[in-house]
Amino acid sequence: MNLLNLYRTAERRNVAVECFRLEGTPACSVELNGRCFVGIDPFQLESTADEKVKLAHELGHCLQGGFYRRTSPFELRERCEVLADRWAMTQLMPLPDVQAAMKEGCTEVWQLAERFGVTEEFVHTVLAVYFDK
């Protein structure tokens, strides 16, 4: 999925995405009165790939219902983060596509990052989930 399709997914699913300065985080998501909102600080993004990964993660919170409060126990916060990460992984780097890329010789982290248009850090996370079980 490319960045434009992520924004279209947000629009189709009635998730408002707004760009503005944020303190302490490049992106966040909240649910208010049954509607999800994603905030992205373009001044804290390193690249289009970074924007894509962060937007996918925040949409994961919205579309998987993975929200918590600051006072939530650690387990609940971690569970919500895992839900968001897993949604982002399945959208940006589905396992069958990763396997196909690897069979074609795309095996280095940087190669996978370029092929899928994501950050190398995200590729590390995906590979750990898919293959380090």
C-alpha atoms as a PDB file:
ATOM      1  CA  MET A   1       0.000   0.000   0.000  1.00  0.00           C
ATOM      2  CA  ASN A   2       1.356   3.406  -0.856  1.00  0.00           C
ATOM      3  CA  LEU A   3       1.011   6.635   1.112  1.00  0.00           C
ATOM      4  CA  LEU A   4      -1.861   7.961  -0.979  1.00  0.00           C
ATOM      5  CA  ASN A   5      -3.817   4.752  -0.422  1.00  0.00           C
ATOM      6  CA  LEU A   6      -3.303   5.099   3.326  1.00  0.00           C
ATOM      7  CA  TYR A   7      -4.817   8.584   3.216  1.00  0.00           C
ATOM      8  CA  ARG A   8      -7.677   7.228   1.104  1.00  0.00           C
ATOM      9  CA  THR A   9      -8.218   4.422   3.619  1.00  0.00           C
ATOM     10  CA  ALA A  10      -8.430   7.022   6.369  1.00  0.00           C
ATOM     11  CA  GLU A  11     -10.969   9.006   4.383  1.00  0.00           C
ATOM     12  CA  ARG A  12     -13.095   5.942   3.557  1.00  0.00           C
ATOM     13  CA  ARG A  13     -13.073   4.858   7.193  1.00  0.00           C
ATOM     14  CA  ASN A  14     -13.973   8.374   8.415  1.00  0.00           C
ATOM     15  CA  VAL A  15     -10.631   8.938  10.153  1.00  0.00           C
ATOM     16  CA  ALA A  16      -9.625  12.593  10.076  1.00  0.00           C
ATOM     17  CA  VAL A  17      -5.921  13.156   9.442  1.00  0.00           C
ATOM     18  CA  GLU A  18      -4.566  16.587  10.336  1.00  0.00           C
ATOM     19  CA  CYS A  19      -1.058  17.980   9.988  1.00  0.00           C
ATOM     20  CA  PHE A  20       0.179  20.323  12.701  1.00  0.00           C
ATOM     21  CA  ARG A  21       2.997  20.734  15.189  1.00  0.00           C
ATOM     22  CA  LEU A  22       3.007  18.209  18.005  1.00  0.00           C
ATOM     23  CA  GLU A  23       5.067  18.253  21.164  1.00  0.00           C
ATOM     24  CA  GLY A  24       7.079  15.155  21.978  1.00  0.00           C
ATOM     25  CA  THR A  25       5.803  12.879  19.200  1.00  0.00           C
ATOM     26  CA  PRO A  26       5.698  12.978  15.410  1.00  0.00           C
ATOM     27  CA  ALA A  27       2.240  11.373  15.249  1.00  0.00           C
ATOM     28  CA  CYS A  28      -0.656  10.433  17.486  1.00  0.00           C
ATOM     29  CA  SER A  29      -4.220   9.213  17.300  1.00  0.00           C
ATOM     30  CA  VAL A  30      -7.251   9.730  19.505  1.00  0.00           C
ATOM     31  CA  GLU A  31     -10.843   8.674  19.582  1.00  0.00           C
ATOM     32  CA  LEU A  32     -13.385  11.349  20.482  1.00  0.00           C
ATOM     33  CA  ASN A  33     -17.126  10.767  20.543  1.00  0.00           C
ATOM     34  CA  GLY A  34     -16.798   7.636  18.433  1.00  0.00           C
ATOM     35  CA  ARG A  35     -14.628   9.212  15.726  1.00  0.00           C
ATOM     36  CA  CYS A  36     -10.897   8.739  15.219  1.00  0.00           C
ATOM     37  CA  PHE A  37      -8.430  11.522  14.553  1.00  0.00           C
ATOM     38  CA  VAL A  38      -4.784  11.227  13.541  1.00  0.00           C
ATOM     39  CA  GLY A  39      -2.339  14.071  14.018  1.00  0.00           C
ATOM     40  CA  ILE A  40       0.946  14.163  12.133  1.00  0.00           C
ATOM     41  CA  ASP A  41       3.719  16.708  12.612  1.00  0.00           C
ATOM     42  CA  PRO A  42       5.374  17.086   9.195  1.00  0.00           C
ATOM     43  CA  PHE A  43       8.307  18.904  10.792  1.00  0.00           C
ATOM     44  CA  GLN A  44       9.251  15.752  12.718  1.00  0.00           C
ATOM     45  CA  LEU A  45       9.094  13.354   9.760  1.00  0.00           C
ATOM     46  CA  GLU A  46      12.357  12.206   8.229  1.00  0.00           C
ATOM     47  CA  SER A  47      11.034  11.015   4.855  1.00  0.00           C
ATOM     48  CA  THR A  48       7.985   9.886   2.926  1.00  0.00           C
ATOM     49  CA  ALA A  49       8.712   6.360   4.140  1.00  0.00           C
ATOM     50  CA  ASP A  50       8.656   7.641   7.722  1.00  0.00           C
ATOM     51  CA  GLU A  51       5.318   9.363   7.116  1.00  0.00           C
ATOM     52  CA  LYS A  52       3.917   6.167   5.599  1.00  0.00           C
ATOM     53  CA  VAL A  53       4.981   4.017   8.564  1.00  0.00           C
ATOM     54  CA  LYS A  54       3.740   6.486  11.164  1.00  0.00           C
ATOM     55  CA  LEU A  55       0.396   7.019   9.426  1.00  0.00           C
ATOM     56  CA  ALA A  56      -0.119   3.258   9.065  1.00  0.00           C
ATOM     57  CA  HIS A  57       0.637   2.739  12.760  1.00  0.00           C
ATOM     58  CA  GLU A  58      -1.798   5.454  13.844  1.00  0.00           C
ATOM     59  CA  LEU A  59      -4.478   4.135  11.479  1.00  0.00           C
ATOM     60  CA  GLY A  60      -3.870   0.750  13.086  1.00  0.00           C
ATOM     61  CA  HIS A  61      -4.855   2.249  16.436  1.00  0.00           C
ATOM     62  CA  CYS A  62      -8.021   3.680  14.886  1.00  0.00           C
ATOM     63  CA  LEU A  63      -9.090   0.698  12.818  1.00  0.00           C
ATOM     64  CA  GLN A  64      -8.242  -1.941  15.401  1.00  0.00           C
ATOM     65  CA  GLY A  65      -9.714  -0.024  18.346  1.00  0.00           C
ATOM     66  CA  GLY A  66      -6.360   0.034  20.096  1.00  0.00           C
ATOM     67  CA  PHE A  67      -6.582   3.070  22.359  1.00  0.00           C
ATOM     68  CA  TYR A  68      -5.443   3.524  25.929  1.00  0.00           C
ATOM     69  CA  ARG A  69      -5.122   6.275  28.479  1.00  0.00           C
ATOM     70  CA  ARG A  70      -1.973   7.493  30.160  1.00  0.00           C
ATOM     71  CA  THR A  71      -3.113   5.743  33.336  1.00  0.00           C
ATOM     72  CA  SER A  72      -3.620   2.390  31.584  1.00  0.00           C
ATOM     73  CA  PRO A  73      -1.562  -0.536  32.853  1.00  0.00           C
ATOM     74  CA  PHE A  74       1.553  -1.394  30.845  1.00  0.00           C
ATOM     75  CA  GLU A  75       0.031  -4.612  29.473  1.00  0.00           C
ATOM     76  CA  LEU A  76      -2.905  -2.720  27.984  1.00  0.00           C
ATOM     77  CA  ARG A  77      -0.642  -0.095  26.408  1.00  0.00           C
ATOM     78  CA  GLU A  78       1.631  -2.764  24.970  1.00  0.00           C
ATOM     79  CA  ARG A  79      -1.351  -4.695  23.584  1.00  0.00           C
ATOM     80  CA  CYS A  80      -2.656  -1.553  21.863  1.00  0.00           C
ATOM     81  CA  GLU A  81       0.760  -0.853  20.338  1.00  0.00           C
ATOM     82  CA  VAL A  82       1.032  -4.430  19.070  1.00  0.00           C
ATOM     83  CA  LEU A  83      -2.445  -4.187  17.482  1.00  0.00           C
ATOM     84  CA  ALA A  84      -1.442  -0.976  15.703  1.00  0.00           C
ATOM     85  CA  ASP A  85       1.900  -2.405  14.576  1.00  0.00           C
ATOM     86  CA  ARG A  86       0.334  -5.613  13.270  1.00  0.00           C
ATOM     87  CA  TRP A  87      -2.239  -3.702  11.239  1.00  0.00           C
ATOM     88  CA  ALA A  88       0.521  -1.535   9.748  1.00  0.00           C
ATOM     89  CA  MET A  89       2.595  -4.613   8.916  1.00  0.00           C
ATOM     90  CA  THR A  90      -0.221  -6.405   7.128  1.00  0.00           C
ATOM     91  CA  GLN A  91      -0.981  -3.285   5.085  1.00  0.00           C
ATOM     92  CA  LEU A  92       2.544  -2.181   4.211  1.00  0.00           C
ATOM     93  CA  MET A  93       4.438  -5.485   4.096  1.00  0.00           C
ATOM     94  CA  PRO A  94       2.066  -8.469   3.888  1.00  0.00           C
ATOM     95  CA  LEU A  95       3.853 -11.738   4.628  1.00  0.00           C
ATOM     96  CA  PRO A  96       3.242 -13.274   1.152  1.00  0.00           C
ATOM     97  CA  ASP A  97       4.720 -10.151  -0.481  1.00  0.00           C
ATOM     98  CA  VAL A  98       7.756 -10.234   1.815  1.00  0.00           C
ATOM     99  CA  GLN A  99       8.311 -13.917   1.060  1.00  0.00           C
ATOM    100  CA  ALA A 100       8.020 -13.271  -2.688  1.00  0.00           C
ATOM    101  CA  ALA A 101      10.498 -10.386  -2.471  1.00  0.00           C
ATOM    102  CA  MET A 102      12.964 -12.558  -0.590  1.00  0.00           C
ATOM    103  CA  LYS A 103      12.642 -15.373  -3.150  1.00  0.00           C
ATOM    104  CA  GLU A 104      13.468 -12.799  -5.825  1.00  0.00           C
ATOM    105  CA  GLY A 105      16.717 -11.987  -3.981  1.00  0.00           C
ATOM    106  CA  CYS A 106      15.594  -8.935  -2.039  1.00  0.00           C
ATOM    107  CA  THR A 107      17.067 -10.031   1.294  1.00  0.00           C
ATOM    108  CA  GLU A 108      18.890  -7.029   2.746  1.00  0.00           C
ATOM    109  CA  VAL A 109      16.988  -4.742   5.094  1.00  0.00           C
ATOM    110  CA  TRP A 110      17.687  -1.697   2.923  1.00  0.00           C
ATOM    111  CA  GLN A 111      16.447  -3.565  -0.180  1.00  0.00           C
ATOM    112  CA  LEU A 112      13.181  -4.490   1.511  1.00  0.00           C
ATOM    113  CA  ALA A 113      12.783  -0.938   2.809  1.00  0.00           C
ATOM    114  CA  GLU A 114      13.210   0.467  -0.702  1.00  0.00           C
ATOM    115  CA  ARG A 115      10.940  -2.124  -2.292  1.00  0.00           C
ATOM    116  CA  PHE A 116       8.076  -1.522   0.146  1.00  0.00           C
ATOM    117  CA  GLY A 117       8.696   2.201   0.639  1.00  0.00           C
ATOM    118  CA  VAL A 118       9.130   1.938   4.406  1.00  0.00           C
ATOM    119  CA  THR A 119      11.869   2.675   6.918  1.00  0.00           C
ATOM    120  CA  GLU A 120      14.636   0.212   7.727  1.00  0.00           C
ATOM    121  CA  GLU A 121      13.513   0.274  11.364  1.00  0.00           C
ATOM    122  CA  PHE A 122      10.056  -0.858  10.269  1.00  0.00           C
ATOM    123  CA  VAL A 123      11.572  -3.679   8.198  1.00  0.00           C
ATOM    124  CA  HIS A 124      13.460  -4.891  11.287  1.00  0.00           C
ATOM    125  CA  THR A 125      10.199  -4.939  13.243  1.00  0.00           C
ATOM    126  CA  VAL A 126       8.354  -6.794  10.465  1.00  0.00           C
ATOM    127  CA  LEU A 127      11.081  -9.405  10.088  1.00  0.00           C
ATOM    128  CA  ALA A 128      11.173  -9.988  13.834  1.00  0.00           C
ATOM    129  CA  VAL A 129       7.432 -10.592  13.935  1.00  0.00           C
ATOM    130  CA  TYR A 130       7.221 -12.706  10.775  1.00  0.00           C
ATOM    131  CA  PHE A 131      10.367 -14.800  11.117  1.00  0.00           C
ATOM    132  CA  ASP A 132      11.702 -14.744  14.700  1.00  0.00           C
ATOM    133  CA  LYS A 133       8.871 -16.673  16.311  1.00  0.00           C
END
